[in-house]
N, C-alpha and C. Protein backbone atom coordinates (compact mmCIF):
# COMPACT_ATOMS: atom_id res chain seq x y z
N MET A 1 -42.23 -8.59 49.21
CA MET A 1 -40.94 -9.22 49.15
C MET A 1 -40.64 -9.71 47.73
N LYS A 2 -41.69 -10.28 47.10
CA LYS A 2 -41.50 -10.77 45.74
C LYS A 2 -41.17 -9.63 44.78
N LYS A 3 -41.79 -8.45 45.03
CA LYS A 3 -41.54 -7.30 44.17
C LYS A 3 -40.09 -6.83 44.31
N ILE A 4 -39.54 -6.88 45.48
CA ILE A 4 -38.17 -6.44 45.72
C ILE A 4 -37.19 -7.41 45.03
N ILE A 5 -37.42 -8.69 45.16
CA ILE A 5 -36.55 -9.69 44.50
C ILE A 5 -36.64 -9.54 43.00
N PHE A 6 -37.86 -9.34 42.48
CA PHE A 6 -38.03 -9.15 41.04
C PHE A 6 -37.30 -7.90 40.57
N ALA A 7 -37.41 -6.81 41.30
CA ALA A 7 -36.76 -5.56 40.94
C ALA A 7 -35.24 -5.70 40.99
N LEU A 8 -34.72 -6.35 42.02
CA LEU A 8 -33.28 -6.55 42.12
C LEU A 8 -32.77 -7.44 40.98
N THR A 9 -33.50 -8.49 40.66
CA THR A 9 -33.11 -9.38 39.55
C THR A 9 -33.12 -8.62 38.24
N LEU A 10 -34.16 -7.81 38.02
CA LEU A 10 -34.26 -7.01 36.80
C LEU A 10 -33.11 -6.00 36.71
N LEU A 11 -32.78 -5.34 37.80
CA LEU A 11 -31.66 -4.40 37.82
C LEU A 11 -30.34 -5.11 37.56
N LEU A 12 -30.17 -6.27 38.17
CA LEU A 12 -28.96 -7.05 37.98
C LEU A 12 -28.79 -7.44 36.51
N ILE A 13 -29.85 -7.87 35.89
CA ILE A 13 -29.79 -8.27 34.47
C ILE A 13 -29.50 -7.07 33.59
N LEU A 14 -30.14 -5.95 33.84
CA LEU A 14 -29.96 -4.76 33.01
C LEU A 14 -28.56 -4.17 33.11
N PHE A 15 -27.98 -4.18 34.29
CA PHE A 15 -26.69 -3.53 34.47
C PHE A 15 -25.49 -4.49 34.41
N SER A 16 -25.75 -5.76 34.32
CA SER A 16 -24.63 -6.70 34.28
C SER A 16 -24.03 -6.86 32.88
N CYS A 17 -24.76 -6.53 31.87
CA CYS A 17 -24.29 -6.71 30.50
C CYS A 17 -24.02 -5.37 29.85
N ASP A 18 -22.81 -4.87 30.02
CA ASP A 18 -22.46 -3.60 29.39
C ASP A 18 -21.55 -3.79 28.20
N GLU A 19 -21.21 -5.04 27.87
CA GLU A 19 -20.30 -5.34 26.77
C GLU A 19 -21.10 -5.54 25.49
N THR A 20 -20.66 -4.93 24.42
CA THR A 20 -21.32 -5.09 23.13
C THR A 20 -20.78 -6.34 22.45
N TYR A 21 -21.65 -7.13 21.86
CA TYR A 21 -21.25 -8.37 21.18
C TYR A 21 -20.97 -8.07 19.71
N TYR A 22 -19.83 -8.55 19.24
CA TYR A 22 -19.46 -8.43 17.83
C TYR A 22 -19.22 -9.83 17.28
N PRO A 23 -19.89 -10.21 16.19
CA PRO A 23 -19.65 -11.55 15.64
C PRO A 23 -18.25 -11.65 15.05
N ARG A 24 -17.64 -12.79 15.19
CA ARG A 24 -16.30 -13.01 14.66
C ARG A 24 -16.39 -13.51 13.22
N SER A 25 -15.47 -13.06 12.43
CA SER A 25 -15.43 -13.56 11.05
C SER A 25 -14.81 -14.95 11.05
N HIS A 26 -15.14 -15.74 10.03
CA HIS A 26 -14.58 -17.08 9.92
C HIS A 26 -13.12 -16.97 9.48
N GLY A 27 -12.31 -17.82 10.01
CA GLY A 27 -10.90 -17.84 9.63
C GLY A 27 -10.42 -19.27 9.48
N TYR A 28 -9.23 -19.42 8.97
CA TYR A 28 -8.67 -20.75 8.77
C TYR A 28 -7.34 -20.85 9.51
N ILE A 29 -6.99 -22.04 9.84
CA ILE A 29 -5.77 -22.30 10.58
C ILE A 29 -4.55 -21.95 9.72
N ARG A 30 -3.57 -21.35 10.34
CA ARG A 30 -2.31 -21.10 9.65
C ARG A 30 -1.51 -22.40 9.62
N ILE A 31 -0.98 -22.72 8.45
CA ILE A 31 -0.25 -23.97 8.30
C ILE A 31 1.23 -23.64 8.10
N ASP A 32 2.07 -24.26 8.91
CA ASP A 32 3.51 -24.14 8.73
C ASP A 32 3.96 -25.32 7.87
N PHE A 33 4.29 -25.04 6.63
CA PHE A 33 4.67 -26.10 5.71
C PHE A 33 6.10 -26.56 5.95
N PRO A 34 6.32 -27.87 5.85
CA PRO A 34 7.69 -28.39 6.04
C PRO A 34 8.57 -28.03 4.84
N LYS A 35 9.88 -28.10 5.08
CA LYS A 35 10.85 -27.84 4.02
C LYS A 35 10.78 -28.98 3.00
N LYS A 36 10.90 -28.64 1.73
CA LYS A 36 10.84 -29.64 0.66
C LYS A 36 12.21 -30.28 0.49
N GLU A 37 12.33 -31.49 0.97
CA GLU A 37 13.52 -32.32 0.79
C GLU A 37 13.05 -33.66 0.27
N TYR A 38 13.67 -34.12 -0.81
CA TYR A 38 13.19 -35.34 -1.48
C TYR A 38 14.16 -36.50 -1.30
N LYS A 39 13.58 -37.70 -1.34
CA LYS A 39 14.36 -38.93 -1.29
C LYS A 39 13.82 -39.86 -2.39
N GLN A 40 14.64 -40.77 -2.81
CA GLN A 40 14.26 -41.70 -3.88
C GLN A 40 13.39 -42.82 -3.29
N PHE A 41 12.22 -43.03 -3.85
CA PHE A 41 11.39 -44.18 -3.49
C PHE A 41 11.77 -45.31 -4.43
N ASN A 42 12.31 -46.37 -3.87
CA ASN A 42 12.76 -47.49 -4.67
C ASN A 42 12.48 -48.76 -3.88
N SER A 43 11.60 -49.61 -4.40
CA SER A 43 11.24 -50.84 -3.69
C SER A 43 10.91 -51.93 -4.69
N ALA A 44 10.08 -52.86 -4.30
CA ALA A 44 9.72 -53.99 -5.17
C ALA A 44 8.74 -53.60 -6.26
N TYR A 45 8.27 -52.38 -6.24
CA TYR A 45 7.34 -51.93 -7.27
C TYR A 45 8.09 -51.73 -8.59
N PRO A 46 7.40 -51.83 -9.72
CA PRO A 46 8.08 -51.73 -11.03
C PRO A 46 8.38 -50.29 -11.46
N TYR A 47 8.49 -49.39 -10.51
CA TYR A 47 8.77 -47.99 -10.82
C TYR A 47 9.53 -47.37 -9.66
N THR A 48 10.10 -46.22 -9.93
CA THR A 48 10.81 -45.45 -8.91
C THR A 48 10.57 -43.97 -9.18
N PHE A 49 10.63 -43.17 -8.13
CA PHE A 49 10.47 -41.71 -8.26
C PHE A 49 10.87 -41.08 -6.94
N GLU A 50 10.92 -39.75 -6.92
CA GLU A 50 11.28 -39.02 -5.71
C GLU A 50 10.03 -38.61 -4.95
N ILE A 51 10.10 -38.78 -3.61
CA ILE A 51 9.01 -38.35 -2.73
C ILE A 51 9.59 -37.44 -1.65
N PRO A 52 8.76 -36.57 -1.07
CA PRO A 52 9.26 -35.70 0.00
C PRO A 52 9.50 -36.49 1.29
N GLN A 53 10.40 -35.98 2.12
CA GLN A 53 10.76 -36.63 3.38
C GLN A 53 9.55 -36.78 4.31
N TYR A 54 8.59 -35.88 4.22
CA TYR A 54 7.45 -35.89 5.13
C TYR A 54 6.30 -36.79 4.64
N SER A 55 6.59 -37.66 3.67
CA SER A 55 5.58 -38.59 3.19
C SER A 55 6.11 -40.02 3.25
N LYS A 56 5.20 -40.97 3.08
CA LYS A 56 5.58 -42.38 3.16
C LYS A 56 4.67 -43.19 2.24
N ILE A 57 5.25 -44.17 1.56
CA ILE A 57 4.46 -45.06 0.70
C ILE A 57 4.36 -46.41 1.40
N GLU A 58 3.12 -46.88 1.52
CA GLU A 58 2.84 -48.15 2.18
C GLU A 58 2.00 -49.02 1.27
N LYS A 59 2.15 -50.31 1.41
CA LYS A 59 1.36 -51.26 0.63
C LYS A 59 -0.11 -51.08 0.99
N ASP A 60 -0.98 -51.12 -0.02
CA ASP A 60 -2.42 -51.03 0.20
C ASP A 60 -2.90 -52.38 0.71
N THR A 61 -3.38 -52.40 1.94
CA THR A 61 -3.84 -53.65 2.54
C THR A 61 -5.37 -53.71 2.64
N SER A 62 -6.05 -52.77 1.99
CA SER A 62 -7.51 -52.77 2.05
C SER A 62 -8.08 -53.95 1.28
N ARG A 63 -9.29 -54.29 1.59
CA ARG A 63 -9.95 -55.41 0.93
C ARG A 63 -10.08 -55.13 -0.56
N GLY A 64 -9.72 -56.08 -1.37
CA GLY A 64 -9.84 -55.93 -2.81
C GLY A 64 -8.61 -55.32 -3.47
N ALA A 65 -7.64 -54.89 -2.67
CA ALA A 65 -6.42 -54.29 -3.22
C ALA A 65 -5.59 -55.34 -3.94
N GLU A 66 -5.04 -54.96 -5.07
CA GLU A 66 -4.20 -55.88 -5.83
C GLU A 66 -2.76 -55.81 -5.31
N LYS A 67 -1.96 -56.75 -5.75
CA LYS A 67 -0.60 -56.96 -5.24
C LYS A 67 0.26 -55.69 -5.30
N LEU A 68 0.21 -54.93 -6.38
CA LEU A 68 1.10 -53.78 -6.54
C LEU A 68 0.40 -52.43 -6.33
N TRP A 69 -0.64 -52.42 -5.52
CA TRP A 69 -1.29 -51.17 -5.16
C TRP A 69 -0.64 -50.64 -3.89
N SER A 70 -0.58 -49.31 -3.78
CA SER A 70 0.03 -48.70 -2.61
C SER A 70 -0.66 -47.39 -2.27
N ASN A 71 -0.38 -46.89 -1.08
CA ASN A 71 -0.91 -45.61 -0.61
C ASN A 71 0.25 -44.70 -0.27
N TRP A 72 0.28 -43.53 -0.88
CA TRP A 72 1.30 -42.53 -0.63
C TRP A 72 0.71 -41.57 0.38
N ASN A 73 1.13 -41.66 1.63
CA ASN A 73 0.51 -40.92 2.73
C ASN A 73 1.28 -39.65 3.09
N PHE A 74 0.50 -38.58 3.29
CA PHE A 74 1.00 -37.31 3.81
C PHE A 74 0.29 -37.09 5.14
N LYS A 75 0.78 -37.76 6.20
CA LYS A 75 0.09 -37.76 7.50
C LYS A 75 -0.09 -36.36 8.08
N THR A 76 0.90 -35.50 7.91
CA THR A 76 0.81 -34.14 8.43
C THR A 76 -0.39 -33.40 7.85
N PHE A 77 -0.73 -33.70 6.63
CA PHE A 77 -1.81 -33.01 5.92
C PHE A 77 -3.09 -33.83 5.88
N ASN A 78 -3.07 -35.04 6.47
CA ASN A 78 -4.23 -35.93 6.44
C ASN A 78 -4.68 -36.15 4.99
N ALA A 79 -3.71 -36.48 4.13
CA ALA A 79 -3.98 -36.67 2.71
C ALA A 79 -3.29 -37.94 2.21
N THR A 80 -3.83 -38.49 1.12
CA THR A 80 -3.31 -39.74 0.55
C THR A 80 -3.42 -39.70 -0.96
N VAL A 81 -2.40 -40.26 -1.63
CA VAL A 81 -2.48 -40.54 -3.06
C VAL A 81 -2.58 -42.06 -3.18
N TYR A 82 -3.69 -42.53 -3.72
CA TYR A 82 -3.89 -43.96 -3.91
C TYR A 82 -3.32 -44.35 -5.26
N LEU A 83 -2.33 -45.24 -5.25
CA LEU A 83 -1.63 -45.65 -6.47
C LEU A 83 -2.04 -47.07 -6.85
N SER A 84 -2.55 -47.22 -8.07
CA SER A 84 -3.01 -48.52 -8.58
C SER A 84 -2.19 -48.89 -9.80
N TYR A 85 -1.44 -49.96 -9.71
CA TYR A 85 -0.61 -50.42 -10.83
C TYR A 85 -1.31 -51.56 -11.56
N LYS A 86 -1.21 -51.54 -12.89
CA LYS A 86 -1.75 -52.63 -13.73
C LYS A 86 -0.73 -52.95 -14.82
N ASN A 87 -0.63 -54.23 -15.16
CA ASN A 87 0.11 -54.63 -16.35
C ASN A 87 -0.78 -54.38 -17.56
N ILE A 88 -0.20 -53.89 -18.63
CA ILE A 88 -0.97 -53.69 -19.86
C ILE A 88 -0.99 -55.01 -20.62
N GLU A 89 -2.19 -55.43 -20.96
CA GLU A 89 -2.37 -56.67 -21.71
C GLU A 89 -3.29 -56.37 -22.89
N ASN A 90 -2.78 -55.58 -23.85
CA ASN A 90 -3.58 -55.12 -24.99
C ASN A 90 -4.84 -54.38 -24.55
N ASN A 91 -4.76 -53.66 -23.43
CA ASN A 91 -5.93 -52.95 -22.91
C ASN A 91 -5.61 -51.52 -22.49
N LEU A 92 -4.61 -50.91 -23.10
CA LEU A 92 -4.22 -49.55 -22.73
C LEU A 92 -5.39 -48.58 -22.89
N ASN A 93 -6.10 -48.65 -24.01
CA ASN A 93 -7.23 -47.73 -24.23
C ASN A 93 -8.29 -47.89 -23.15
N GLU A 94 -8.55 -49.12 -22.74
CA GLU A 94 -9.53 -49.39 -21.69
C GLU A 94 -9.08 -48.80 -20.35
N LEU A 95 -7.81 -48.96 -20.00
CA LEU A 95 -7.27 -48.41 -18.76
C LEU A 95 -7.33 -46.88 -18.75
N GLU A 96 -6.97 -46.26 -19.87
CA GLU A 96 -7.04 -44.80 -19.98
C GLU A 96 -8.49 -44.32 -19.88
N GLU A 97 -9.40 -45.03 -20.52
CA GLU A 97 -10.82 -44.65 -20.48
C GLU A 97 -11.40 -44.82 -19.08
N ASP A 98 -11.01 -45.88 -18.37
CA ASP A 98 -11.46 -46.06 -16.98
C ASP A 98 -11.01 -44.90 -16.12
N THR A 99 -9.76 -44.46 -16.31
CA THR A 99 -9.25 -43.32 -15.55
C THR A 99 -10.05 -42.06 -15.87
N ARG A 100 -10.28 -41.83 -17.16
CA ARG A 100 -11.04 -40.65 -17.58
C ARG A 100 -12.45 -40.66 -16.98
N LYS A 101 -13.11 -41.82 -16.98
CA LYS A 101 -14.46 -41.92 -16.41
C LYS A 101 -14.46 -41.61 -14.92
N LEU A 102 -13.46 -42.12 -14.20
CA LEU A 102 -13.37 -41.85 -12.76
C LEU A 102 -13.14 -40.36 -12.49
N VAL A 103 -12.35 -39.72 -13.34
CA VAL A 103 -12.12 -38.28 -13.19
C VAL A 103 -13.41 -37.51 -13.43
N TYR A 104 -14.11 -37.83 -14.50
CA TYR A 104 -15.28 -37.05 -14.89
C TYR A 104 -16.53 -37.39 -14.09
N LYS A 105 -16.43 -38.33 -13.16
CA LYS A 105 -17.52 -38.53 -12.20
C LYS A 105 -17.64 -37.32 -11.27
N HIS A 106 -16.57 -36.53 -11.19
CA HIS A 106 -16.54 -35.35 -10.32
C HIS A 106 -17.22 -34.14 -10.95
N THR A 107 -17.72 -34.24 -12.18
CA THR A 107 -18.30 -33.07 -12.85
C THR A 107 -19.51 -32.50 -12.11
N ILE A 108 -20.17 -33.32 -11.31
CA ILE A 108 -21.35 -32.85 -10.57
C ILE A 108 -20.95 -31.72 -9.61
N LYS A 109 -19.81 -31.85 -8.96
CA LYS A 109 -19.36 -30.85 -7.98
C LYS A 109 -18.23 -29.98 -8.50
N ALA A 110 -17.58 -30.38 -9.58
CA ALA A 110 -16.39 -29.67 -10.06
C ALA A 110 -16.75 -28.34 -10.72
N ASP A 111 -15.92 -27.34 -10.48
CA ASP A 111 -16.03 -26.06 -11.19
C ASP A 111 -15.34 -26.15 -12.54
N GLU A 112 -14.26 -26.95 -12.58
CA GLU A 112 -13.45 -27.05 -13.79
C GLU A 112 -12.56 -28.30 -13.69
N ILE A 113 -12.36 -28.98 -14.82
CA ILE A 113 -11.43 -30.11 -14.90
C ILE A 113 -10.45 -29.80 -16.02
N THR A 114 -9.16 -29.74 -15.66
CA THR A 114 -8.12 -29.40 -16.63
C THR A 114 -7.15 -30.56 -16.78
N PRO A 115 -7.13 -31.20 -17.97
CA PRO A 115 -6.13 -32.24 -18.19
C PRO A 115 -4.80 -31.63 -18.65
N VAL A 116 -3.70 -32.13 -18.09
CA VAL A 116 -2.36 -31.69 -18.47
C VAL A 116 -1.60 -32.93 -18.92
N ASN A 117 -1.22 -32.98 -20.19
CA ASN A 117 -0.54 -34.15 -20.72
C ASN A 117 0.93 -34.14 -20.35
N TRP A 118 1.47 -35.35 -20.12
CA TRP A 118 2.88 -35.52 -19.76
C TRP A 118 3.51 -36.44 -20.78
N ASN A 119 4.69 -36.06 -21.26
CA ASN A 119 5.34 -36.83 -22.31
C ASN A 119 6.85 -36.75 -22.12
N ASN A 120 7.47 -37.86 -21.67
CA ASN A 120 8.91 -37.92 -21.52
C ASN A 120 9.42 -39.11 -22.34
N LYS A 121 9.76 -38.84 -23.58
CA LYS A 121 10.18 -39.91 -24.50
C LYS A 121 11.45 -40.60 -24.03
N GLU A 122 12.36 -39.84 -23.43
CA GLU A 122 13.63 -40.41 -22.97
C GLU A 122 13.41 -41.51 -21.93
N LYS A 123 12.52 -41.27 -20.97
CA LYS A 123 12.25 -42.25 -19.91
C LYS A 123 11.06 -43.16 -20.25
N LYS A 124 10.42 -42.90 -21.40
CA LYS A 124 9.23 -43.65 -21.83
C LYS A 124 8.12 -43.56 -20.77
N VAL A 125 7.85 -42.33 -20.35
CA VAL A 125 6.78 -42.08 -19.39
C VAL A 125 5.81 -41.09 -20.04
N TYR A 126 4.58 -41.53 -20.20
CA TYR A 126 3.54 -40.72 -20.82
C TYR A 126 2.32 -40.75 -19.91
N GLY A 127 1.53 -39.72 -19.94
CA GLY A 127 0.33 -39.73 -19.12
C GLY A 127 -0.39 -38.41 -19.10
N THR A 128 -1.35 -38.32 -18.19
CA THR A 128 -2.17 -37.11 -18.04
C THR A 128 -2.42 -36.87 -16.56
N LEU A 129 -2.26 -35.62 -16.15
CA LEU A 129 -2.61 -35.17 -14.81
C LEU A 129 -3.89 -34.35 -14.94
N TYR A 130 -4.91 -34.71 -14.17
CA TYR A 130 -6.19 -33.99 -14.19
C TYR A 130 -6.27 -33.14 -12.92
N GLU A 131 -6.42 -31.83 -13.11
CA GLU A 131 -6.65 -30.92 -11.99
C GLU A 131 -8.15 -30.68 -11.91
N ILE A 132 -8.75 -31.02 -10.78
CA ILE A 132 -10.19 -30.92 -10.61
C ILE A 132 -10.45 -29.84 -9.58
N LYS A 133 -11.04 -28.72 -10.01
CA LYS A 133 -11.25 -27.58 -9.13
C LYS A 133 -12.68 -27.57 -8.60
N GLY A 134 -12.82 -27.17 -7.34
CA GLY A 134 -14.14 -27.11 -6.70
C GLY A 134 -14.15 -27.93 -5.43
N ASN A 135 -15.34 -28.06 -4.83
CA ASN A 135 -15.49 -28.85 -3.60
C ASN A 135 -15.70 -30.31 -3.97
N VAL A 136 -14.64 -30.92 -4.46
CA VAL A 136 -14.69 -32.31 -4.91
C VAL A 136 -13.87 -33.19 -3.96
N ALA A 137 -14.17 -34.47 -3.98
CA ALA A 137 -13.46 -35.40 -3.10
C ALA A 137 -12.00 -35.55 -3.49
N SER A 138 -11.71 -35.60 -4.78
CA SER A 138 -10.33 -35.78 -5.27
C SER A 138 -9.96 -34.63 -6.20
N GLN A 139 -8.99 -33.83 -5.79
CA GLN A 139 -8.62 -32.64 -6.56
C GLN A 139 -7.59 -32.90 -7.65
N LEU A 140 -6.85 -34.00 -7.53
CA LEU A 140 -5.82 -34.35 -8.52
C LEU A 140 -5.90 -35.84 -8.80
N GLN A 141 -5.90 -36.19 -10.08
CA GLN A 141 -5.83 -37.58 -10.49
C GLN A 141 -4.92 -37.65 -11.71
N PHE A 142 -4.26 -38.79 -11.89
CA PHE A 142 -3.33 -38.91 -13.01
C PHE A 142 -3.15 -40.37 -13.39
N TYR A 143 -2.60 -40.56 -14.56
CA TYR A 143 -2.11 -41.88 -14.93
C TYR A 143 -0.79 -41.71 -15.65
N LEU A 144 0.08 -42.72 -15.50
CA LEU A 144 1.37 -42.77 -16.17
C LEU A 144 1.52 -44.14 -16.81
N THR A 145 2.11 -44.19 -17.99
CA THR A 145 2.27 -45.45 -18.69
C THR A 145 3.51 -45.40 -19.58
N ASP A 146 4.00 -46.58 -19.96
CA ASP A 146 5.03 -46.64 -20.99
C ASP A 146 4.39 -47.04 -22.32
N SER A 147 3.08 -47.24 -22.30
CA SER A 147 2.20 -47.57 -23.43
C SER A 147 2.36 -49.00 -23.94
N THR A 148 3.21 -49.81 -23.32
CA THR A 148 3.35 -51.21 -23.76
C THR A 148 3.18 -52.22 -22.62
N LYS A 149 3.75 -51.95 -21.43
CA LYS A 149 3.73 -52.92 -20.33
C LYS A 149 3.10 -52.40 -19.05
N HIS A 150 3.37 -51.15 -18.72
CA HIS A 150 3.05 -50.62 -17.39
C HIS A 150 1.97 -49.54 -17.44
N PHE A 151 1.13 -49.52 -16.39
CA PHE A 151 0.11 -48.48 -16.24
C PHE A 151 -0.06 -48.20 -14.75
N LEU A 152 0.09 -46.95 -14.35
CA LEU A 152 -0.07 -46.53 -12.95
C LEU A 152 -1.10 -45.42 -12.89
N ARG A 153 -2.10 -45.61 -12.04
CA ARG A 153 -3.12 -44.59 -11.84
C ARG A 153 -2.99 -44.04 -10.43
N GLY A 154 -3.13 -42.72 -10.27
CA GLY A 154 -3.06 -42.10 -8.96
C GLY A 154 -4.26 -41.21 -8.72
N ALA A 155 -4.78 -41.23 -7.49
CA ALA A 155 -5.89 -40.37 -7.10
C ALA A 155 -5.58 -39.75 -5.74
N PHE A 156 -5.56 -38.43 -5.69
CA PHE A 156 -5.21 -37.68 -4.48
C PHE A 156 -6.48 -37.33 -3.71
N TYR A 157 -6.47 -37.58 -2.40
CA TYR A 157 -7.61 -37.25 -1.54
C TYR A 157 -7.13 -36.65 -0.23
N PHE A 158 -7.84 -35.60 0.22
CA PHE A 158 -7.74 -35.18 1.61
C PHE A 158 -8.73 -36.05 2.36
N ASN A 159 -8.35 -36.53 3.52
CA ASN A 159 -9.22 -37.42 4.29
C ASN A 159 -10.14 -36.60 5.20
N ARG A 160 -10.90 -35.70 4.57
CA ARG A 160 -11.85 -34.86 5.30
C ARG A 160 -12.87 -34.31 4.30
N ILE A 161 -13.88 -33.65 4.80
CA ILE A 161 -14.90 -33.06 3.93
C ILE A 161 -14.25 -31.95 3.12
N PRO A 162 -14.44 -31.96 1.78
CA PRO A 162 -13.77 -30.96 0.95
C PRO A 162 -14.30 -29.55 1.18
N ASN A 163 -13.40 -28.59 1.29
CA ASN A 163 -13.70 -27.17 1.34
C ASN A 163 -12.57 -26.50 0.58
N LYS A 164 -12.85 -26.12 -0.66
CA LYS A 164 -11.78 -25.64 -1.54
C LYS A 164 -11.03 -24.44 -0.98
N ASP A 165 -11.70 -23.60 -0.21
CA ASP A 165 -11.02 -22.42 0.33
C ASP A 165 -10.01 -22.77 1.41
N SER A 166 -10.40 -23.62 2.35
CA SER A 166 -9.49 -23.93 3.45
C SER A 166 -8.40 -24.91 3.02
N LEU A 167 -8.68 -25.75 2.01
CA LEU A 167 -7.70 -26.74 1.56
C LEU A 167 -6.75 -26.20 0.49
N ALA A 168 -7.06 -25.05 -0.08
CA ALA A 168 -6.27 -24.51 -1.21
C ALA A 168 -4.78 -24.38 -0.90
N PRO A 169 -4.36 -23.83 0.24
CA PRO A 169 -2.91 -23.73 0.49
C PRO A 169 -2.22 -25.09 0.55
N SER A 170 -2.84 -26.05 1.23
CA SER A 170 -2.25 -27.39 1.34
C SER A 170 -2.24 -28.08 -0.02
N LEU A 171 -3.30 -27.92 -0.78
CA LEU A 171 -3.38 -28.53 -2.10
C LEU A 171 -2.27 -27.98 -3.01
N ALA A 172 -2.08 -26.67 -3.01
CA ALA A 172 -1.02 -26.07 -3.83
C ALA A 172 0.35 -26.59 -3.41
N PHE A 173 0.56 -26.73 -2.11
CA PHE A 173 1.83 -27.23 -1.59
C PHE A 173 2.07 -28.68 -2.02
N LEU A 174 1.06 -29.55 -1.88
CA LEU A 174 1.20 -30.97 -2.19
C LEU A 174 1.19 -31.24 -3.69
N LYS A 175 0.57 -30.37 -4.48
CA LYS A 175 0.58 -30.55 -5.93
C LYS A 175 2.02 -30.49 -6.46
N LYS A 176 2.86 -29.67 -5.84
CA LYS A 176 4.27 -29.60 -6.24
C LYS A 176 4.97 -30.95 -6.03
N ASP A 177 4.57 -31.68 -4.98
CA ASP A 177 5.15 -33.00 -4.73
C ASP A 177 4.69 -34.01 -5.77
N ILE A 178 3.45 -33.92 -6.19
CA ILE A 178 2.95 -34.80 -7.24
C ILE A 178 3.62 -34.46 -8.57
N ASP A 179 3.80 -33.18 -8.85
CA ASP A 179 4.52 -32.76 -10.06
C ASP A 179 5.95 -33.31 -10.04
N LYS A 180 6.61 -33.23 -8.88
CA LYS A 180 7.98 -33.74 -8.74
C LYS A 180 8.00 -35.26 -8.95
N MET A 181 7.00 -35.94 -8.42
CA MET A 181 6.90 -37.39 -8.61
C MET A 181 6.82 -37.72 -10.09
N ILE A 182 5.98 -37.01 -10.82
CA ILE A 182 5.81 -37.28 -12.25
C ILE A 182 7.10 -36.94 -13.01
N GLU A 183 7.74 -35.84 -12.67
CA GLU A 183 8.98 -35.43 -13.35
C GLU A 183 10.11 -36.43 -13.14
N THR A 184 10.17 -37.05 -11.97
CA THR A 184 11.28 -37.96 -11.65
C THR A 184 10.91 -39.43 -11.85
N PHE A 185 9.72 -39.69 -12.33
CA PHE A 185 9.20 -41.05 -12.46
C PHE A 185 9.96 -41.84 -13.53
N GLU A 186 10.31 -43.10 -13.20
CA GLU A 186 10.97 -44.00 -14.16
C GLU A 186 10.44 -45.40 -13.96
N TRP A 187 10.31 -46.12 -15.07
CA TRP A 187 9.94 -47.53 -15.01
C TRP A 187 11.20 -48.36 -14.81
N LYS A 188 11.08 -49.43 -14.05
CA LYS A 188 12.18 -50.36 -13.91
C LYS A 188 12.09 -51.35 -15.09
N ASN A 189 13.21 -51.94 -15.45
CA ASN A 189 13.25 -52.86 -16.59
C ASN A 189 12.54 -54.17 -16.33
N GLU A 190 12.62 -54.67 -15.11
CA GLU A 190 12.00 -55.95 -14.82
C GLU A 190 10.48 -55.80 -14.74
N THR A 191 9.76 -56.83 -15.07
CA THR A 191 8.30 -56.81 -14.98
C THR A 191 7.88 -57.59 -13.74
N PRO A 192 6.81 -57.15 -13.09
CA PRO A 192 6.38 -57.80 -11.84
C PRO A 192 5.81 -59.19 -12.08
């Protein structure tokens, strides 16, 4: 009896699997990007600029955050630009150097770091945008200043483990919003 059950089980196993297994290749989710429509961000902060409709700027309420720090959130993309504002008090070189040091901490994982200088004499907005390529935590960082009173530092992060291949389409899409922010950026006359 045991031999018959064993034979039937063996036959069942042999003839039940006639499908060939093929491994699936890895793929990434298709992203439907929203239409680019901009609105003016204007509040109690000492600056103004245009942001896309699908984003929102909120006061930074984290521990240790200073009064004029904010978070520019892209909830659809699970991404944030952390904005840190400082008054310049004869320390512009120190603020610029701090920004540079924070950018170059990424050299361990970065494939390339490209600084792009920004200079708008008419609006008195000067700065540098750093593009950091590779599997790094922050792919874009920048600072903007009028070189006498105001200094704003920004650091862009996806709120997930970095994977340059899967994040590349979203990063390219959101970089245009950061470029637009820098292009439309203006300091307000009043000081905080």
